Amino acid sequence: MEKGFFDKVEDNAAVRIWAETTQREKGDSLTEGCVSELWDFTRISVIQNDLQEMKEVWDQWDVEAKQLFYCNYGDLPYLLSVKVDKYLFRALAQFWNPAYSCFTFGKVDLTPTVEEYTTLLRCPKIQVDKAYSRAACVPPLLKKLMNITGMSERVDVFALGIYGLVVFPKALGHIDEAVSDLFDRLSKGVTPVPAILAETFRSLNACRKAGEGRFIGCAQLLLAWFHIHFWKVEKVSYRVFSDSYSPLGELVATPRRDDISEEKWIEILQNLQDEDIEWRAPWLILMRYCTDVEILTGSLLGIWGAIGYAPLLVSRQYRSRQFIPATQGLAYCDFSYREDNYKKKVREISNAWNQTRRTKILAVGPTITPEYSQWRDQRINDNIPASNPETARSLKEHL
């Protein structure tokens, strides 16, 4: 038992050495092709589709129909009831760091991960090793719709509506054709999570770099993820979560304050400390010693483009020690499908998905190496608005 444990420790150290060596040899993601100077304040719109009619339709369904939906599409219906706090969302967007595809709150780095979003959606038919990639020859829309409605017309069309109006709300009141292409592939077990994350990251990047814009990712999932990690008010890490437990369901049932202004949220977020963060989502499987985690470093394919993704940057969310991540090349991964030669890049990313680096995540405290602390302090970080620390501390005490 003891020997096996130390073998896993050695494997984890090997991943750390690889990442730090790659970072030193190939450089940081900011060294080439990355916009480091951002607008001081991003005017972001988070206008949502009116979902009242869809809520009414869902409420009219019987238990059998709802159970069929859960079995095929997971906990998507809860997204209809997640309230989007526009003030919190606008404040949150100010701290998005396009260079590293993460949120940077002072010295705290956090980002939504594939594992977290997969658990939030809780879809039993998702195969995590089958990521979506846009087909070179897209079938006609009519054929895709015939495939979509092949099993249960009511259930499938309703799920398509949630994907088009909630998860990928690019055109208000309409479902983008690219959504139907992704949805058509879900029946084959393809996981939509990388695509959801990709379009979330891409939309935040576009708004931050332009200084304005409308967010076209899934605001409901992003805010659900945010509330997972903030704050440590209820000590829930000891809870035993059954297979029937729904993180989204609990989120919807939990009352939250909605009278906090955007300015106050900014002040709060700027001054976050380590002790304010629930680093590992409590409903992810708790580890006694260690576990194998497939971590993809490189990029995510969305339905309109691709984006860089570096989960090793936030290894503390995996209950692992924080070290200098390999971030070289992240900027290269950010592109739209309208660009030249994008098909070659898509092939390269699709091949890389199956070449994930296996790391042994240790159940140790959220410590960081001195090398990471030094590197973190040197990072260019001009996207943190100014605020009054005393005011922020006072506000946090009342949340």
Protein backbone atom coordinates (compact mmCIF):
# COMPACT_ATOMS: atom_id res chain seq x y z
CA MET A 1 0.00 0.00 0.00
CA GLU A 2 2.72 2.43 1.02
CA LYS A 3 4.90 1.57 -1.97
CA GLY A 4 2.01 2.09 -4.36
CA PHE A 5 1.29 5.47 -2.82
CA PHE A 6 4.85 6.70 -3.28
CA ASP A 7 4.90 5.42 -6.85
CA LYS A 8 1.97 7.70 -7.56
CA VAL A 9 3.75 10.58 -5.84
CA GLU A 10 6.67 10.07 -8.18
CA ASP A 11 4.38 10.10 -11.21
CA ASN A 12 2.84 13.35 -10.07
CA ALA A 13 6.28 14.89 -9.64
CA ALA A 14 7.16 13.81 -13.19
CA VAL A 15 4.19 15.75 -14.57
CA ARG A 16 5.26 18.80 -12.58
CA ILE A 17 8.84 18.57 -13.90
CA TRP A 18 7.57 18.20 -17.47
CA ALA A 19 5.31 21.25 -17.18
CA GLU A 20 7.96 23.47 -15.59
CA THR A 21 10.62 22.39 -18.10
CA THR A 22 8.28 23.06 -21.03
CA GLN A 23 7.41 26.47 -19.61
CA ARG A 24 11.08 27.43 -19.25
CA GLU A 25 12.16 26.10 -22.65
CA LYS A 26 9.25 27.26 -24.81
CA GLY A 27 8.21 30.31 -22.90
CA ASP A 28 4.99 31.76 -21.61
CA SER A 29 1.81 32.14 -23.64
CA LEU A 30 2.21 35.92 -23.53
CA THR A 31 5.46 35.89 -25.49
CA GLU A 32 3.90 35.75 -28.95
CA GLY A 33 0.61 36.67 -30.56
CA CYS A 34 -1.25 37.43 -27.35
CA VAL A 35 -3.01 40.68 -26.47
CA SER A 36 -1.83 41.66 -22.98
CA GLU A 37 -3.19 45.20 -22.86
CA LEU A 38 -6.92 45.07 -22.25
CA TRP A 39 -9.62 47.65 -21.69
CA ASP A 40 -9.76 48.82 -18.08
CA PHE A 41 -13.47 48.08 -17.99
CA THR A 42 -15.51 45.78 -20.21
CA ARG A 43 -19.11 46.74 -20.93
CA ILE A 44 -20.57 43.28 -21.28
CA SER A 45 -24.22 42.50 -21.95
CA VAL A 46 -25.75 39.30 -20.63
CA ILE A 47 -29.20 39.60 -22.19
CA GLN A 48 -30.99 36.24 -22.07
CA ASN A 49 -33.79 34.63 -24.03
CA ASP A 50 -37.22 34.62 -22.40
CA LEU A 51 -37.49 31.10 -21.00
CA GLN A 52 -40.89 31.36 -19.34
CA GLU A 53 -42.70 29.38 -22.04
CA MET A 54 -40.15 26.58 -21.86
CA LYS A 55 -40.54 26.45 -18.07
CA GLU A 56 -44.29 26.09 -18.48
CA VAL A 57 -43.86 23.28 -20.98
CA TRP A 58 -41.51 21.43 -18.61
CA ASP A 59 -43.90 21.85 -15.68
CA GLN A 60 -46.71 20.24 -17.71
CA TRP A 61 -44.76 17.05 -18.36
CA ASP A 62 -45.46 13.94 -16.34
CA VAL A 63 -42.86 12.04 -14.30
CA GLU A 64 -42.24 9.48 -17.05
CA ALA A 65 -41.43 12.12 -19.69
CA LYS A 66 -39.14 14.01 -17.32
CA GLN A 67 -37.31 10.83 -16.40
CA LEU A 68 -36.78 10.04 -20.08
CA PHE A 69 -35.31 13.50 -20.54
CA TYR A 70 -32.95 13.13 -17.56
CA CYS A 71 -31.73 9.78 -18.88
CA ASN A 72 -30.93 11.19 -22.31
CA TYR A 73 -29.81 14.74 -21.58
CA GLY A 74 -29.02 15.01 -17.88
CA ASP A 75 -29.82 18.01 -15.72
CA LEU A 76 -30.31 20.57 -18.51
CA PRO A 77 -33.84 21.57 -17.33
CA TYR A 78 -32.40 23.11 -14.15
CA LEU A 79 -30.68 25.72 -16.33
CA LEU A 80 -34.12 27.15 -17.09
CA SER A 81 -34.46 28.14 -13.43
CA VAL A 82 -30.92 29.42 -12.76
CA LYS A 83 -31.24 33.16 -12.22
CA VAL A 84 -28.61 35.17 -14.08
CA ASP A 85 -27.40 37.93 -11.77
CA LYS A 86 -26.30 40.53 -14.31
CA TYR A 87 -24.38 42.57 -11.74
CA LEU A 88 -22.35 39.58 -10.59
CA PHE A 89 -21.77 38.45 -14.16
CA ARG A 90 -20.56 41.87 -15.32
CA ALA A 91 -18.17 42.03 -12.37
CA LEU A 92 -16.95 38.51 -13.00
CA ALA A 93 -16.13 39.33 -16.61
CA GLN A 94 -13.72 42.09 -15.55
CA PHE A 95 -11.41 39.44 -14.10
CA TRP A 96 -11.25 37.16 -17.11
CA ASN A 97 -7.67 36.80 -18.34
CA PRO A 98 -7.64 35.97 -22.09
CA ALA A 99 -3.92 35.19 -22.05
CA TYR A 100 -4.41 32.12 -19.86
CA SER A 101 -8.13 31.35 -20.30
CA CYS A 102 -8.81 31.76 -16.61
CA PHE A 103 -10.17 34.18 -14.02
CA THR A 104 -7.49 36.05 -12.09
CA PHE A 105 -8.69 37.42 -8.77
CA GLY A 106 -5.65 39.08 -7.23
CA LYS A 107 -3.32 36.11 -6.74
CA VAL A 108 -6.08 33.53 -7.14
CA ASP A 109 -6.42 31.75 -10.50
CA LEU A 110 -9.60 29.76 -11.23
CA THR A 111 -11.24 28.43 -14.36
CA PRO A 112 -14.18 26.14 -15.18
CA THR A 113 -12.88 22.66 -15.98
CA VAL A 114 -14.18 19.82 -18.11
CA GLU A 115 -14.61 17.67 -15.01
CA GLU A 116 -16.67 20.30 -13.18
CA TYR A 117 -18.99 21.03 -16.10
CA THR A 118 -19.43 17.30 -16.81
CA THR A 119 -20.55 16.74 -13.22
CA LEU A 120 -22.86 19.76 -13.31
CA LEU A 121 -24.66 18.51 -16.42
CA ARG A 122 -24.80 14.95 -15.02
CA CYS A 123 -25.70 13.29 -18.32
CA PRO A 124 -25.33 9.49 -18.13
CA LYS A 125 -24.85 9.09 -21.90
CA ILE A 126 -21.83 11.41 -22.13
CA GLN A 127 -18.59 9.68 -23.07
CA VAL A 128 -15.82 11.98 -21.89
CA ASP A 129 -13.31 10.60 -24.38
CA LYS A 130 -15.49 11.48 -27.40
CA ALA A 131 -15.16 15.22 -27.88
CA TYR A 132 -17.14 17.13 -30.49
CA SER A 133 -15.32 18.37 -33.58
CA ARG A 134 -17.04 20.09 -36.44
CA ALA A 135 -17.47 17.79 -39.43
CA ALA A 136 -15.79 18.75 -42.69
CA CYS A 137 -18.98 17.93 -44.58
CA VAL A 138 -21.94 19.09 -42.52
CA PRO A 139 -25.21 17.21 -43.28
CA PRO A 140 -28.17 19.26 -44.55
CA LEU A 141 -30.27 20.86 -41.82
CA LEU A 142 -33.32 18.78 -42.73
CA LYS A 143 -31.41 15.51 -42.31
CA LYS A 144 -30.04 16.64 -38.94
CA LEU A 145 -33.52 17.53 -37.73
CA MET A 146 -34.79 14.11 -38.83
CA ASN A 147 -32.01 12.44 -36.83
CA ILE A 148 -32.68 14.63 -33.80
CA THR A 149 -36.39 13.80 -33.66
CA GLY A 150 -35.90 10.11 -34.38
CA MET A 151 -36.30 8.75 -30.84
CA SER A 152 -38.76 10.92 -28.96
CA GLU A 153 -39.88 14.05 -30.75
CA ARG A 154 -41.08 15.94 -27.68
CA VAL A 155 -38.03 15.19 -25.53
CA ASP A 156 -35.44 15.77 -28.25
CA VAL A 157 -36.90 19.00 -29.59
CA PHE A 158 -37.16 20.38 -26.07
CA ALA A 159 -33.50 19.52 -25.43
CA LEU A 160 -32.51 21.17 -28.70
CA GLY A 161 -34.37 24.28 -27.52
CA ILE A 162 -32.34 24.39 -24.31
CA TYR A 163 -29.07 23.99 -26.19
CA GLY A 164 -30.00 26.70 -28.68
CA LEU A 165 -31.62 29.23 -26.33
CA VAL A 166 -29.68 28.67 -23.08
CA VAL A 167 -26.37 26.91 -23.69
CA PHE A 168 -25.46 28.62 -26.99
CA PRO A 169 -27.70 31.74 -27.15
CA LYS A 170 -25.93 33.43 -30.06
CA ALA A 171 -29.07 34.70 -31.78
CA LEU A 172 -31.82 35.78 -29.38
CA GLY A 173 -35.07 34.02 -30.17
CA HIS A 174 -33.45 31.67 -32.68
CA ILE A 175 -31.37 28.48 -32.72
CA ASP A 176 -28.12 28.76 -34.65
CA GLU A 177 -27.57 26.02 -37.25
CA ALA A 178 -24.18 25.20 -35.68
CA VAL A 179 -26.05 24.12 -32.54
CA SER A 180 -28.01 21.55 -34.52
CA ASP A 181 -24.74 20.04 -35.78
CA LEU A 182 -23.49 19.51 -32.22
CA PHE A 183 -26.88 18.25 -31.08
CA ASP A 184 -27.02 15.74 -33.93
CA ARG A 185 -23.80 14.18 -32.58
CA LEU A 186 -25.04 13.80 -29.01
CA SER A 187 -26.87 10.58 -29.87
CA LYS A 188 -23.46 9.04 -30.59
CA GLY A 189 -22.27 9.72 -27.05
CA VAL A 190 -20.21 12.79 -27.91
CA THR A 191 -19.63 15.03 -24.90
CA PRO A 192 -20.78 18.65 -25.39
CA VAL A 193 -18.73 19.92 -22.42
CA PRO A 194 -15.54 20.96 -24.30
CA ALA A 195 -17.67 22.84 -26.83
CA ILE A 196 -19.61 24.60 -24.05
CA LEU A 197 -16.38 25.64 -22.35
CA ALA A 198 -14.80 26.68 -25.63
CA GLU A 199 -17.61 29.07 -26.54
CA THR A 200 -17.71 30.40 -22.97
CA PHE A 201 -13.99 31.20 -23.10
CA ARG A 202 -14.16 32.59 -26.65
CA SER A 203 -17.03 34.91 -25.82
CA LEU A 204 -15.29 36.22 -22.71
CA ASN A 205 -12.11 36.77 -24.73
CA ALA A 206 -13.95 38.67 -27.45
CA CYS A 207 -15.69 40.97 -24.97
CA ARG A 208 -12.52 41.62 -22.96
CA LYS A 209 -10.40 42.42 -26.02
CA ALA A 210 -13.05 44.70 -27.56
CA GLY A 211 -14.02 46.32 -24.27
CA GLU A 212 -17.68 45.53 -24.93
CA GLY A 213 -20.02 42.94 -26.37
CA ARG A 214 -22.78 40.46 -25.59
CA PHE A 215 -21.91 37.20 -23.88
CA ILE A 216 -23.08 34.28 -26.04
CA GLY A 217 -21.94 31.40 -23.84
CA CYS A 218 -23.95 29.67 -21.13
CA ALA A 219 -24.20 32.27 -18.36
CA GLN A 220 -26.23 29.91 -16.18
CA LEU A 221 -23.52 27.25 -16.04
CA LEU A 222 -20.77 29.80 -15.49
CA LEU A 223 -22.57 31.34 -12.52
CA ALA A 224 -23.33 27.87 -11.14
CA TRP A 225 -19.61 27.11 -11.33
CA PHE A 226 -18.82 30.41 -9.60
CA HIS A 227 -21.09 29.65 -6.65
CA ILE A 228 -19.42 26.24 -6.27
CA HIS A 229 -16.14 27.83 -5.21
CA PHE A 230 -17.41 30.87 -3.28
CA TRP A 231 -17.74 31.19 -0.34
CA LYS A 232 -16.74 28.80 2.45
CA VAL A 233 -19.87 29.62 4.41
CA GLU A 234 -21.21 26.09 4.71
CA LYS A 235 -18.66 23.38 5.39
CA VAL A 236 -19.95 20.75 2.98
CA SER A 237 -16.74 18.90 2.13
CA TYR A 238 -17.66 16.03 4.45
CA ARG A 239 -20.98 15.33 2.76
CA VAL A 240 -21.52 12.05 0.98
CA PHE A 241 -23.18 12.67 -2.36
CA SER A 242 -25.20 9.86 -3.90
CA ASP A 243 -25.64 9.11 -7.60
CA SER A 244 -28.98 10.90 -7.51
CA TYR A 245 -27.54 14.12 -6.10
CA SER A 246 -27.84 17.09 -8.47
CA PRO A 247 -25.49 20.07 -7.94
CA LEU A 248 -27.61 22.19 -10.28
CA GLY A 249 -30.77 21.15 -8.48
CA GLU A 250 -29.33 22.23 -5.14
CA LEU A 251 -28.15 25.51 -6.66
CA VAL A 252 -31.64 26.32 -7.93
CA ALA A 253 -33.15 25.53 -4.52
CA THR A 254 -30.65 27.69 -2.62
CA PRO A 255 -31.79 31.31 -2.09
CA ARG A 256 -29.15 33.93 -2.90
CA ARG A 257 -28.86 37.66 -2.52
CA ASP A 258 -29.47 39.70 -5.66
CA ASP A 259 -29.12 43.20 -4.22
CA ILE A 260 -25.33 43.49 -4.49
CA SER A 261 -24.21 46.10 -7.01
CA GLU A 262 -21.68 45.52 -9.75
CA GLU A 263 -19.20 47.89 -8.09
CA LYS A 264 -19.42 46.00 -4.80
CA TRP A 265 -18.90 42.66 -6.53
CA ILE A 266 -15.76 44.03 -8.20
CA GLU A 267 -14.40 45.14 -4.86
CA ILE A 268 -15.09 41.73 -3.36
CA LEU A 269 -13.55 39.73 -6.18
CA GLN A 270 -10.39 41.78 -6.38
CA ASN A 271 -9.46 40.96 -2.81
CA LEU A 272 -10.14 37.25 -2.68
CA GLN A 273 -7.71 35.24 -0.57
CA ASP A 274 -6.91 31.55 -0.52
CA GLU A 275 -9.10 30.97 2.50
CA ASP A 276 -12.12 32.39 0.66
CA ILE A 277 -12.05 29.63 -1.96
CA GLU A 278 -13.50 26.15 -1.88
CA TRP A 279 -10.76 24.89 -4.19
CA ARG A 280 -12.29 21.55 -5.03
CA ALA A 281 -16.01 21.30 -5.73
CA PRO A 282 -17.36 19.27 -2.77
CA TRP A 283 -19.56 17.07 -4.93
CA LEU A 284 -16.64 15.81 -7.02
CA ILE A 285 -15.40 12.46 -5.74
CA LEU A 286 -13.28 13.06 -2.66
CA MET A 287 -9.89 11.33 -2.66
CA ARG A 288 -8.26 9.65 0.28
CA TYR A 289 -4.89 9.17 -1.34
CA CYS A 290 -4.86 9.81 -5.06
CA THR A 291 -6.65 9.12 -8.29
CA ASP A 292 -5.91 9.07 -12.01
CA VAL A 293 -7.12 12.12 -13.89
CA GLU A 294 -6.93 12.58 -17.64
CA ILE A 295 -5.90 16.19 -18.13
CA LEU A 296 -6.01 17.66 -21.62
CA THR A 297 -3.68 20.59 -22.15
CA GLY A 298 -3.89 22.49 -25.40
CA SER A 299 -7.26 23.57 -26.74
CA LEU A 300 -10.98 23.00 -26.86
CA LEU A 301 -13.13 22.80 -29.98
CA GLY A 302 -16.36 24.78 -29.93
CA ILE A 303 -19.14 25.05 -32.47
CA TRP A 304 -17.89 28.37 -33.87
CA GLY A 305 -14.16 28.14 -33.14
CA ALA A 306 -11.43 26.87 -30.83
CA ILE A 307 -9.67 28.23 -27.74
CA GLY A 308 -6.65 27.48 -25.57
CA TYR A 309 -7.18 25.44 -22.41
CA ALA A 310 -4.65 24.89 -19.60
CA PRO A 311 -6.14 23.01 -16.63
CA LEU A 312 -2.67 22.52 -15.15
CA LEU A 313 -2.74 26.26 -14.47
CA VAL A 314 -5.40 25.59 -11.84
CA SER A 315 -4.22 22.24 -10.52
CA ARG A 316 -5.29 23.32 -7.03
CA GLN A 317 -8.85 22.69 -8.20
CA TYR A 318 -7.82 19.05 -8.65
CA ARG A 319 -6.53 18.99 -5.06
CA SER A 320 -2.97 18.96 -6.33
CA ARG A 321 0.06 21.11 -5.57
CA GLN A 322 0.32 24.22 -7.73
CA PHE A 323 3.34 24.44 -10.00
CA ILE A 324 4.39 26.43 -13.05
CA PRO A 325 2.15 25.24 -15.90
CA ALA A 326 3.08 24.76 -19.52
CA THR A 327 1.26 27.65 -21.20
CA GLN A 328 3.25 28.05 -24.41
CA GLY A 329 1.07 28.00 -27.51
CA LEU A 330 -2.26 28.87 -25.91
CA ALA A 331 -2.67 31.95 -28.11
CA TYR A 332 -2.21 29.83 -31.24
CA CYS A 333 -5.24 27.74 -30.30
CA ASP A 334 -7.65 30.70 -30.35
CA PHE A 335 -9.31 30.92 -33.75
CA SER A 336 -12.65 31.04 -35.53
CA TYR A 337 -13.82 28.52 -38.10
CA ARG A 338 -14.05 31.37 -40.59
CA GLU A 339 -10.26 31.74 -40.66
CA ASP A 340 -7.96 30.26 -43.31
CA ASN A 341 -6.54 26.77 -42.74
CA TYR A 342 -8.77 26.18 -39.73
CA LYS A 343 -9.53 22.61 -40.85
CA LYS A 344 -5.87 21.64 -40.41
CA LYS A 345 -5.86 23.10 -36.92
CA VAL A 346 -9.07 21.25 -36.06
CA ARG A 347 -7.47 17.95 -37.11
CA GLU A 348 -4.44 18.63 -34.95
CA ILE A 349 -6.59 19.48 -31.93
CA SER A 350 -8.80 16.40 -32.44
CA ASN A 351 -5.72 14.17 -32.53
CA ALA A 352 -4.32 15.82 -29.41
CA TRP A 353 -7.54 15.10 -27.51
CA ASN A 354 -6.69 11.39 -27.50
CA GLN A 355 -3.13 12.04 -26.31
CA THR A 356 -3.94 13.34 -22.87
CA ARG A 357 -1.29 13.38 -20.20
CA ARG A 358 -2.15 11.14 -17.25
CA THR A 359 -1.31 12.69 -13.90
CA LYS A 360 -1.77 11.33 -10.42
CA ILE A 361 -3.62 13.96 -8.41
CA LEU A 362 -2.65 13.86 -4.76
CA ALA A 363 -5.06 14.52 -1.92
CA VAL A 364 -2.76 17.06 -0.32
CA GLY A 365 -3.38 20.57 0.93
CA PRO A 366 -3.55 23.44 -1.56
CA THR A 367 0.13 24.34 -1.29
CA ILE A 368 2.19 26.02 -3.99
CA THR A 369 5.84 25.80 -4.91
CA PRO A 370 8.14 28.82 -4.43
CA GLU A 371 8.87 28.75 -8.17
CA TYR A 372 5.18 29.15 -8.94
CA SER A 373 4.81 32.03 -6.49
CA GLN A 374 7.69 33.86 -8.16
CA TRP A 375 6.35 33.20 -11.65
CA ARG A 376 2.85 34.22 -10.61
CA ASP A 377 4.08 37.54 -9.21
CA GLN A 378 5.86 38.32 -12.49
CA ARG A 379 2.86 37.68 -14.70
CA ILE A 380 1.43 40.57 -16.66
CA ASN A 381 -1.97 41.20 -15.14
CA ASP A 382 -3.57 44.49 -16.10
CA ASN A 383 -7.20 43.36 -16.01
CA ILE A 384 -7.85 43.86 -12.29
CA PRO A 385 -9.91 46.97 -11.54
CA ALA A 386 -8.96 49.16 -8.59
CA SER A 387 -10.94 49.01 -5.38
CA ASN A 388 -10.86 49.64 -1.66
CA PRO A 389 -9.71 46.50 0.25
CA GLU A 390 -11.36 47.57 3.52
CA THR A 391 -14.71 48.00 1.79
CA ALA A 392 -14.38 44.58 0.17
CA ARG A 393 -13.64 42.88 3.47
CA SER A 394 -16.63 44.55 5.07
CA LEU A 395 -18.91 43.43 2.26
CA LYS A 396 -17.76 39.81 2.40
CA GLU A 397 -18.65 39.60 6.07
CA HIS A 398 -22.28 40.32 5.20
CA LEU A 399 -22.63 37.81 2.34
